[in-house]
Amino acid sequence: VEAPVAGSMILAGLMLSIGGYGIIRFMFINEFFFMNYSFVWFSVSIYGCFLVSLICFIQGDIKSLIAYSSISHMSIGLMGLLSMTKIGVIGCVFLMLSHGLCSSALFCMSNMFYERIFSRSFFISSGMIYFMPSLSLFWFFFCCFN
């Protein structure tokens, strides 16, 4: 959360997708391992997604909320991969691509909010639709796409 915005954009947009691609490549090399132990990893992924979603509820910082939701989305993609079906893998690839674009845009817009009001708090930045209506519209669209 304390990283520069460009670092957060690269991490969420590129590095997490590269990790997902690595899991896809590793999955087809070691199918036996993934078939036998996918239930364990699936359970860990569901548990992690649930815990991170609960952490998202108590966040007051815009940038940390985007970062935690990125972790939650990657665990959803991992569940798609661990289903070991063609639709699950294709869904994970689409999730990684859309997540890379949307989360990078959300980090960029959170930086625009920060440069305008010098705070990343939800409580201080409420009512920004009156000051930046076009940015609020893009914020809404990227939150929906994310």
N, C-alpha and C. Protein backbone atom coordinates (compact mmCIF):
# COMPACT_ATOMS: atom_id res chain seq x y z
N VAL A 1 0.83 -1.18 0.00
CA VAL A 1 0.00 0.00 0.00
C VAL A 1 0.87 1.25 0.00
N GLU A 2 2.06 1.16 0.57
CA GLU A 2 2.94 2.32 0.62
C GLU A 2 3.83 2.44 -0.61
N ALA A 3 3.67 1.54 -1.56
CA ALA A 3 4.46 1.61 -2.79
C ALA A 3 3.95 2.75 -3.66
N PRO A 4 4.80 3.24 -4.56
CA PRO A 4 4.31 4.25 -5.51
C PRO A 4 3.20 3.67 -6.39
N VAL A 5 2.43 4.56 -6.97
CA VAL A 5 1.28 4.12 -7.76
C VAL A 5 1.72 3.29 -8.96
N ALA A 6 2.82 3.69 -9.59
CA ALA A 6 3.31 2.93 -10.74
C ALA A 6 3.68 1.50 -10.33
N GLY A 7 4.28 1.35 -9.16
CA GLY A 7 4.61 0.01 -8.66
C GLY A 7 3.37 -0.82 -8.39
N SER A 8 2.34 -0.19 -7.84
CA SER A 8 1.08 -0.90 -7.58
C SER A 8 0.41 -1.30 -8.89
N MET A 9 0.48 -0.41 -9.89
CA MET A 9 -0.12 -0.73 -11.18
C MET A 9 0.60 -1.89 -11.85
N ILE A 10 1.92 -1.90 -11.77
CA ILE A 10 2.69 -2.99 -12.37
C ILE A 10 2.44 -4.29 -11.62
N LEU A 11 2.40 -4.23 -10.30
CA LEU A 11 2.15 -5.44 -9.52
C LEU A 11 0.79 -6.03 -9.82
N ALA A 12 -0.25 -5.19 -9.76
CA ALA A 12 -1.61 -5.70 -9.97
C ALA A 12 -1.87 -6.04 -11.43
N GLY A 13 -1.32 -5.26 -12.34
CA GLY A 13 -1.62 -5.46 -13.75
C GLY A 13 -0.79 -6.52 -14.42
N LEU A 14 0.47 -6.65 -14.02
CA LEU A 14 1.36 -7.52 -14.76
C LEU A 14 1.85 -8.71 -13.93
N MET A 15 2.35 -8.44 -12.74
CA MET A 15 3.00 -9.50 -11.97
C MET A 15 2.01 -10.59 -11.52
N LEU A 16 0.82 -10.20 -11.11
CA LEU A 16 -0.16 -11.21 -10.70
C LEU A 16 -0.62 -12.05 -11.88
N SER A 17 -0.71 -11.43 -13.05
CA SER A 17 -1.09 -12.18 -14.25
C SER A 17 0.02 -13.14 -14.68
N ILE A 18 1.27 -12.72 -14.52
CA ILE A 18 2.39 -13.61 -14.85
C ILE A 18 2.40 -14.80 -13.89
N GLY A 19 2.07 -14.57 -12.62
CA GLY A 19 1.97 -15.68 -11.68
C GLY A 19 0.88 -16.66 -12.07
N GLY A 20 -0.26 -16.14 -12.51
CA GLY A 20 -1.34 -17.01 -12.97
C GLY A 20 -0.94 -17.80 -14.20
N TYR A 21 -0.21 -17.16 -15.11
CA TYR A 21 0.27 -17.85 -16.30
C TYR A 21 1.26 -18.96 -15.92
N GLY A 22 2.10 -18.68 -14.93
CA GLY A 22 3.03 -19.71 -14.46
C GLY A 22 2.31 -20.90 -13.87
N ILE A 23 1.23 -20.66 -13.15
CA ILE A 23 0.45 -21.77 -12.59
C ILE A 23 -0.20 -22.57 -13.71
N ILE A 24 -0.68 -21.89 -14.75
CA ILE A 24 -1.26 -22.60 -15.90
C ILE A 24 -0.22 -23.50 -16.55
N ARG A 25 0.98 -22.99 -16.76
CA ARG A 25 2.03 -23.79 -17.39
C ARG A 25 2.43 -24.96 -16.49
N PHE A 26 2.55 -24.71 -15.21
CA PHE A 26 2.93 -25.76 -14.27
C PHE A 26 1.83 -26.80 -14.12
N MET A 27 0.58 -26.36 -14.26
CA MET A 27 -0.56 -27.26 -14.09
C MET A 27 -0.56 -28.35 -15.16
N PHE A 28 -0.23 -28.00 -16.38
CA PHE A 28 -0.26 -29.00 -17.45
C PHE A 28 0.98 -29.90 -17.44
N ILE A 29 2.04 -29.47 -16.79
CA ILE A 29 3.22 -30.33 -16.65
C ILE A 29 2.98 -31.38 -15.57
N ASN A 30 2.39 -30.97 -14.46
CA ASN A 30 2.16 -31.87 -13.32
C ASN A 30 0.67 -32.09 -13.10
N GLU A 31 0.00 -32.66 -14.07
CA GLU A 31 -1.44 -32.88 -13.94
C GLU A 31 -1.77 -33.83 -12.80
N PHE A 32 -0.93 -34.82 -12.57
CA PHE A 32 -1.18 -35.79 -11.50
C PHE A 32 -1.25 -35.09 -10.15
N PHE A 33 -0.31 -34.19 -9.90
CA PHE A 33 -0.28 -33.45 -8.63
C PHE A 33 -1.52 -32.59 -8.47
N PHE A 34 -1.92 -31.92 -9.53
CA PHE A 34 -3.09 -31.05 -9.45
C PHE A 34 -4.38 -31.84 -9.33
N MET A 35 -4.46 -33.00 -9.96
CA MET A 35 -5.68 -33.81 -9.88
C MET A 35 -5.86 -34.38 -8.46
N ASN A 36 -4.77 -34.82 -7.85
CA ASN A 36 -4.88 -35.45 -6.53
C ASN A 36 -5.02 -34.45 -5.39
N TYR A 37 -4.39 -33.29 -5.51
CA TYR A 37 -4.38 -32.34 -4.41
C TYR A 37 -5.16 -31.06 -4.70
N SER A 38 -5.97 -31.07 -5.74
CA SER A 38 -6.71 -29.85 -6.07
C SER A 38 -7.75 -29.51 -5.01
N PHE A 39 -8.29 -30.52 -4.33
CA PHE A 39 -9.28 -30.23 -3.29
C PHE A 39 -8.66 -29.44 -2.14
N VAL A 40 -7.44 -29.77 -1.78
CA VAL A 40 -6.76 -29.05 -0.70
C VAL A 40 -6.52 -27.60 -1.10
N TRP A 41 -5.98 -27.40 -2.30
CA TRP A 41 -5.70 -26.03 -2.76
C TRP A 41 -6.98 -25.26 -3.01
N PHE A 42 -8.01 -25.95 -3.47
CA PHE A 42 -9.31 -25.30 -3.68
C PHE A 42 -9.88 -24.81 -2.35
N SER A 43 -9.77 -25.64 -1.31
CA SER A 43 -10.25 -25.25 0.01
C SER A 43 -9.47 -24.07 0.56
N VAL A 44 -8.15 -24.09 0.40
CA VAL A 44 -7.32 -22.97 0.85
C VAL A 44 -7.67 -21.70 0.09
N SER A 45 -7.93 -21.83 -1.19
CA SER A 45 -8.28 -20.67 -2.01
C SER A 45 -9.62 -20.08 -1.60
N ILE A 46 -10.60 -20.92 -1.33
CA ILE A 46 -11.91 -20.42 -0.87
C ILE A 46 -11.77 -19.74 0.48
N TYR A 47 -11.03 -20.35 1.38
CA TYR A 47 -10.82 -19.78 2.71
C TYR A 47 -10.10 -18.43 2.61
N GLY A 48 -9.06 -18.37 1.78
CA GLY A 48 -8.33 -17.11 1.61
C GLY A 48 -9.18 -16.03 0.98
N CYS A 49 -9.97 -16.40 -0.01
CA CYS A 49 -10.86 -15.42 -0.66
C CYS A 49 -11.87 -14.88 0.34
N PHE A 50 -12.40 -15.75 1.18
CA PHE A 50 -13.37 -15.32 2.19
C PHE A 50 -12.74 -14.37 3.20
N LEU A 51 -11.54 -14.71 3.68
CA LEU A 51 -10.88 -13.86 4.67
C LEU A 51 -10.50 -12.50 4.09
N VAL A 52 -9.99 -12.49 2.87
CA VAL A 52 -9.60 -11.22 2.25
C VAL A 52 -10.83 -10.37 1.96
N SER A 53 -11.94 -11.01 1.61
CA SER A 53 -13.18 -10.26 1.40
C SER A 53 -13.66 -9.61 2.69
N LEU A 54 -13.49 -10.30 3.82
CA LEU A 54 -13.83 -9.69 5.10
C LEU A 54 -12.91 -8.52 5.43
N ILE A 55 -11.64 -8.64 5.08
CA ILE A 55 -10.71 -7.53 5.30
C ILE A 55 -11.10 -6.33 4.44
N CYS A 56 -11.60 -6.59 3.24
CA CYS A 56 -12.03 -5.49 2.36
C CYS A 56 -13.17 -4.69 2.98
N PHE A 57 -14.03 -5.35 3.76
CA PHE A 57 -15.15 -4.64 4.37
C PHE A 57 -14.72 -3.59 5.38
N ILE A 58 -13.57 -3.78 6.03
CA ILE A 58 -13.17 -2.85 7.09
C ILE A 58 -12.13 -1.83 6.62
N GLN A 59 -11.83 -1.80 5.34
CA GLN A 59 -10.84 -0.86 4.84
C GLN A 59 -11.40 0.54 4.76
N GLY A 60 -10.58 1.51 5.11
CA GLY A 60 -10.95 2.91 4.96
C GLY A 60 -10.08 3.60 3.95
N ASP A 61 -9.11 2.88 3.41
CA ASP A 61 -8.15 3.42 2.46
C ASP A 61 -8.46 2.88 1.07
N ILE A 62 -8.56 3.76 0.10
CA ILE A 62 -8.93 3.36 -1.26
C ILE A 62 -7.88 2.43 -1.86
N LYS A 63 -6.61 2.79 -1.70
CA LYS A 63 -5.55 2.01 -2.33
C LYS A 63 -5.43 0.62 -1.71
N SER A 64 -5.58 0.52 -0.40
CA SER A 64 -5.50 -0.80 0.22
C SER A 64 -6.71 -1.66 -0.14
N LEU A 65 -7.86 -1.04 -0.33
CA LEU A 65 -9.04 -1.79 -0.76
C LEU A 65 -8.82 -2.39 -2.15
N ILE A 66 -8.24 -1.62 -3.06
CA ILE A 66 -7.96 -2.13 -4.40
C ILE A 66 -6.94 -3.27 -4.33
N ALA A 67 -5.93 -3.12 -3.46
CA ALA A 67 -4.91 -4.16 -3.33
C ALA A 67 -5.50 -5.45 -2.76
N TYR A 68 -6.32 -5.34 -1.73
CA TYR A 68 -6.92 -6.54 -1.15
C TYR A 68 -7.92 -7.19 -2.11
N SER A 69 -8.66 -6.38 -2.85
CA SER A 69 -9.59 -6.97 -3.82
C SER A 69 -8.83 -7.67 -4.94
N SER A 70 -7.62 -7.19 -5.26
CA SER A 70 -6.79 -7.88 -6.25
C SER A 70 -6.43 -9.28 -5.77
N ILE A 71 -6.09 -9.40 -4.50
CA ILE A 71 -5.77 -10.71 -3.94
C ILE A 71 -7.00 -11.62 -3.99
N SER A 72 -8.14 -11.08 -3.67
CA SER A 72 -9.37 -11.87 -3.70
C SER A 72 -9.69 -12.33 -5.12
N HIS A 73 -9.49 -11.46 -6.10
CA HIS A 73 -9.77 -11.85 -7.49
C HIS A 73 -8.81 -12.92 -7.98
N MET A 74 -7.56 -12.85 -7.56
CA MET A 74 -6.61 -13.88 -7.98
C MET A 74 -6.95 -15.23 -7.35
N SER A 75 -7.50 -15.24 -6.14
CA SER A 75 -7.89 -16.52 -5.56
C SER A 75 -9.11 -17.09 -6.28
N ILE A 76 -9.98 -16.22 -6.79
CA ILE A 76 -11.10 -16.70 -7.60
C ILE A 76 -10.58 -17.31 -8.90
N GLY A 77 -9.57 -16.68 -9.50
CA GLY A 77 -8.95 -17.24 -10.70
C GLY A 77 -8.28 -18.57 -10.42
N LEU A 78 -7.66 -18.69 -9.25
CA LEU A 78 -7.04 -19.95 -8.87
C LEU A 78 -8.08 -21.06 -8.73
N MET A 79 -9.26 -20.71 -8.22
CA MET A 79 -10.33 -21.71 -8.14
C MET A 79 -10.75 -22.17 -9.53
N GLY A 80 -10.79 -21.25 -10.49
CA GLY A 80 -11.11 -21.63 -11.86
C GLY A 80 -10.06 -22.56 -12.44
N LEU A 81 -8.79 -22.29 -12.15
CA LEU A 81 -7.73 -23.16 -12.63
C LEU A 81 -7.80 -24.54 -11.99
N LEU A 82 -8.08 -24.57 -10.71
CA LEU A 82 -8.09 -25.85 -10.01
C LEU A 82 -9.30 -26.71 -10.35
N SER A 83 -10.26 -26.16 -11.07
CA SER A 83 -11.36 -26.99 -11.53
C SER A 83 -10.90 -27.96 -12.62
N MET A 84 -9.74 -27.67 -13.22
CA MET A 84 -9.12 -28.54 -14.24
C MET A 84 -10.04 -28.77 -15.43
N THR A 85 -10.84 -27.78 -15.78
CA THR A 85 -11.68 -27.87 -16.96
C THR A 85 -11.25 -26.79 -17.94
N LYS A 86 -11.65 -26.98 -19.19
CA LYS A 86 -11.30 -26.01 -20.22
C LYS A 86 -11.95 -24.66 -19.94
N ILE A 87 -13.21 -24.68 -19.51
CA ILE A 87 -13.92 -23.44 -19.21
C ILE A 87 -13.28 -22.73 -18.02
N GLY A 88 -12.83 -23.49 -17.02
CA GLY A 88 -12.19 -22.89 -15.86
C GLY A 88 -10.89 -22.20 -16.21
N VAL A 89 -10.09 -22.83 -17.08
CA VAL A 89 -8.81 -22.23 -17.49
C VAL A 89 -9.06 -21.00 -18.35
N ILE A 90 -9.99 -21.08 -19.29
CA ILE A 90 -10.30 -19.92 -20.14
C ILE A 90 -10.87 -18.78 -19.29
N GLY A 91 -11.73 -19.11 -18.33
CA GLY A 91 -12.27 -18.09 -17.44
C GLY A 91 -11.19 -17.42 -16.62
N CYS A 92 -10.20 -18.21 -16.17
CA CYS A 92 -9.10 -17.64 -15.41
C CYS A 92 -8.26 -16.71 -16.27
N VAL A 93 -8.03 -17.08 -17.52
CA VAL A 93 -7.26 -16.21 -18.42
C VAL A 93 -7.99 -14.90 -18.64
N PHE A 94 -9.30 -14.96 -18.88
CA PHE A 94 -10.06 -13.72 -19.05
C PHE A 94 -10.09 -12.89 -17.77
N LEU A 95 -10.19 -13.56 -16.62
CA LEU A 95 -10.16 -12.84 -15.35
C LEU A 95 -8.83 -12.14 -15.16
N MET A 96 -7.73 -12.81 -15.50
CA MET A 96 -6.41 -12.19 -15.34
C MET A 96 -6.25 -10.99 -16.28
N LEU A 97 -6.73 -11.12 -17.51
CA LEU A 97 -6.62 -9.99 -18.45
C LEU A 97 -7.46 -8.80 -18.00
N SER A 98 -8.71 -9.06 -17.64
CA SER A 98 -9.57 -7.95 -17.22
C SER A 98 -9.11 -7.37 -15.89
N HIS A 99 -8.62 -8.21 -15.01
CA HIS A 99 -8.12 -7.71 -13.72
C HIS A 99 -6.89 -6.83 -13.93
N GLY A 100 -6.02 -7.21 -14.85
CA GLY A 100 -4.84 -6.40 -15.11
C GLY A 100 -5.18 -5.02 -15.60
N LEU A 101 -6.16 -4.92 -16.47
CA LEU A 101 -6.57 -3.61 -16.99
C LEU A 101 -7.34 -2.80 -15.96
N CYS A 102 -8.31 -3.43 -15.32
CA CYS A 102 -9.19 -2.69 -14.40
C CYS A 102 -8.48 -2.27 -13.13
N SER A 103 -7.68 -3.14 -12.54
CA SER A 103 -7.02 -2.76 -11.29
C SER A 103 -5.96 -1.70 -11.53
N SER A 104 -5.28 -1.75 -12.67
CA SER A 104 -4.32 -0.69 -12.99
C SER A 104 -5.03 0.65 -13.15
N ALA A 105 -6.19 0.62 -13.81
CA ALA A 105 -6.96 1.86 -13.97
C ALA A 105 -7.47 2.36 -12.62
N LEU A 106 -7.89 1.46 -11.74
CA LEU A 106 -8.36 1.89 -10.43
C LEU A 106 -7.24 2.48 -9.59
N PHE A 107 -6.04 1.89 -9.66
CA PHE A 107 -4.90 2.48 -8.96
C PHE A 107 -4.57 3.87 -9.51
N CYS A 108 -4.64 4.02 -10.82
CA CYS A 108 -4.38 5.32 -11.44
C CYS A 108 -5.40 6.35 -10.98
N MET A 109 -6.67 5.98 -10.96
CA MET A 109 -7.70 6.92 -10.54
C MET A 109 -7.64 7.22 -9.05
N SER A 110 -7.21 6.24 -8.24
CA SER A 110 -7.04 6.54 -6.82
C SER A 110 -5.92 7.55 -6.62
N ASN A 111 -4.90 7.48 -7.46
CA ASN A 111 -3.83 8.49 -7.39
C ASN A 111 -4.35 9.86 -7.82
N MET A 112 -5.24 9.90 -8.81
CA MET A 112 -5.83 11.18 -9.21
C MET A 112 -6.65 11.78 -8.07
N PHE A 113 -7.40 10.92 -7.37
CA PHE A 113 -8.14 11.40 -6.19
C PHE A 113 -7.18 11.93 -5.13
N TYR A 114 -6.08 11.19 -4.91
CA TYR A 114 -5.12 11.59 -3.88
C TYR A 114 -4.47 12.93 -4.23
N GLU A 115 -4.13 13.13 -5.50
CA GLU A 115 -3.51 14.39 -5.90
C GLU A 115 -4.47 15.56 -5.76
N ARG A 116 -5.76 15.29 -5.81
CA ARG A 116 -6.75 16.35 -5.70
C ARG A 116 -7.06 16.72 -4.26
N ILE A 117 -7.21 15.72 -3.39
CA ILE A 117 -7.64 16.00 -2.01
C ILE A 117 -6.59 15.64 -0.97
N PHE A 118 -5.45 15.07 -1.36
CA PHE A 118 -4.33 14.73 -0.48
C PHE A 118 -4.72 13.75 0.63
N SER A 119 -5.63 12.85 0.31
CA SER A 119 -6.01 11.81 1.24
C SER A 119 -6.56 10.62 0.45
N ARG A 120 -6.31 9.41 0.98
CA ARG A 120 -6.84 8.21 0.35
C ARG A 120 -8.01 7.64 1.14
N SER A 121 -8.51 8.38 2.09
CA SER A 121 -9.59 7.90 2.95
C SER A 121 -10.94 7.98 2.23
N PHE A 122 -11.76 6.95 2.45
CA PHE A 122 -13.11 6.97 1.90
C PHE A 122 -13.95 8.09 2.51
N PHE A 123 -13.72 8.33 3.78
CA PHE A 123 -14.56 9.28 4.50
C PHE A 123 -14.31 10.71 4.03
N ILE A 124 -13.09 11.02 3.68
CA ILE A 124 -12.77 12.37 3.21
C ILE A 124 -13.13 12.54 1.74
N SER A 125 -13.00 11.47 0.97
CA SER A 125 -13.24 11.59 -0.48
C SER A 125 -14.69 11.35 -0.87
N SER A 126 -15.58 11.24 0.08
CA SER A 126 -16.98 11.07 -0.29
C SER A 126 -17.51 12.36 -0.90
N GLY A 127 -18.38 12.23 -1.86
CA GLY A 127 -18.92 13.39 -2.55
C GLY A 127 -18.07 13.88 -3.70
N MET A 128 -17.15 13.04 -4.18
CA MET A 128 -16.27 13.45 -5.28
C MET A 128 -17.01 13.53 -6.61
N ILE A 129 -18.22 13.00 -6.67
CA ILE A 129 -18.97 13.07 -7.92
C ILE A 129 -19.30 14.53 -8.27
N TYR A 130 -19.36 15.39 -7.26
CA TYR A 130 -19.65 16.79 -7.51
C TYR A 130 -18.43 17.54 -8.03
N PHE A 131 -17.23 17.10 -7.61
CA PHE A 131 -16.01 17.79 -8.02
C PHE A 131 -15.44 17.23 -9.32
N MET A 132 -15.53 15.92 -9.50
CA MET A 132 -15.00 15.26 -10.70
C MET A 132 -16.03 14.28 -11.25
N PRO A 133 -17.06 14.77 -11.93
CA PRO A 133 -18.12 13.85 -12.38
C PRO A 133 -17.66 12.86 -13.44
N SER A 134 -16.79 13.27 -14.36
CA SER A 134 -16.36 12.33 -15.40
C SER A 134 -15.46 11.24 -14.82
N LEU A 135 -14.60 11.60 -13.89
CA LEU A 135 -13.75 10.60 -13.26
C LEU A 135 -14.58 9.65 -12.40
N SER A 136 -15.63 10.16 -11.80
CA SER A 136 -16.52 9.30 -11.01
C SER A 136 -17.24 8.30 -11.89
N LEU A 137 -17.58 8.70 -13.11
CA LEU A 137 -18.22 7.78 -14.05
C LEU A 137 -17.25 6.66 -14.43
N PHE A 138 -16.00 7.01 -14.74
CA PHE A 138 -15.01 5.98 -15.07
C PHE A 138 -14.72 5.09 -13.86
N TRP A 139 -14.70 5.69 -12.66
CA TRP A 139 -14.50 4.92 -11.44
C TRP A 139 -15.60 3.87 -11.30
N PHE A 140 -16.84 4.28 -11.55
CA PHE A 140 -17.98 3.36 -11.47
C PHE A 140 -17.84 2.23 -12.49
N PHE A 141 -17.49 2.57 -13.73
CA PHE A 141 -17.36 1.55 -14.77
C PHE A 141 -16.26 0.55 -14.44
N PHE A 142 -15.10 1.04 -14.01
CA PHE A 142 -14.00 0.12 -13.71
C PHE A 142 -14.28 -0.71 -12.47
N CYS A 143 -15.01 -0.17 -11.51
CA CYS A 143 -15.41 -0.99 -10.36
C CYS A 143 -16.37 -2.10 -10.80
N CYS A 144 -17.28 -1.77 -11.70
CA CYS A 144 -18.20 -2.80 -12.21
C CYS A 144 -17.47 -3.84 -13.04
N PHE A 145 -16.53 -3.42 -13.86
CA PHE A 145 -15.79 -4.36 -14.69
C PHE A 145 -14.84 -5.22 -13.85
N ASN A 146 -14.39 -4.68 -12.75
CA ASN A 146 -13.45 -5.40 -11.90
C ASN A 146 -14.18 -6.52 -11.17
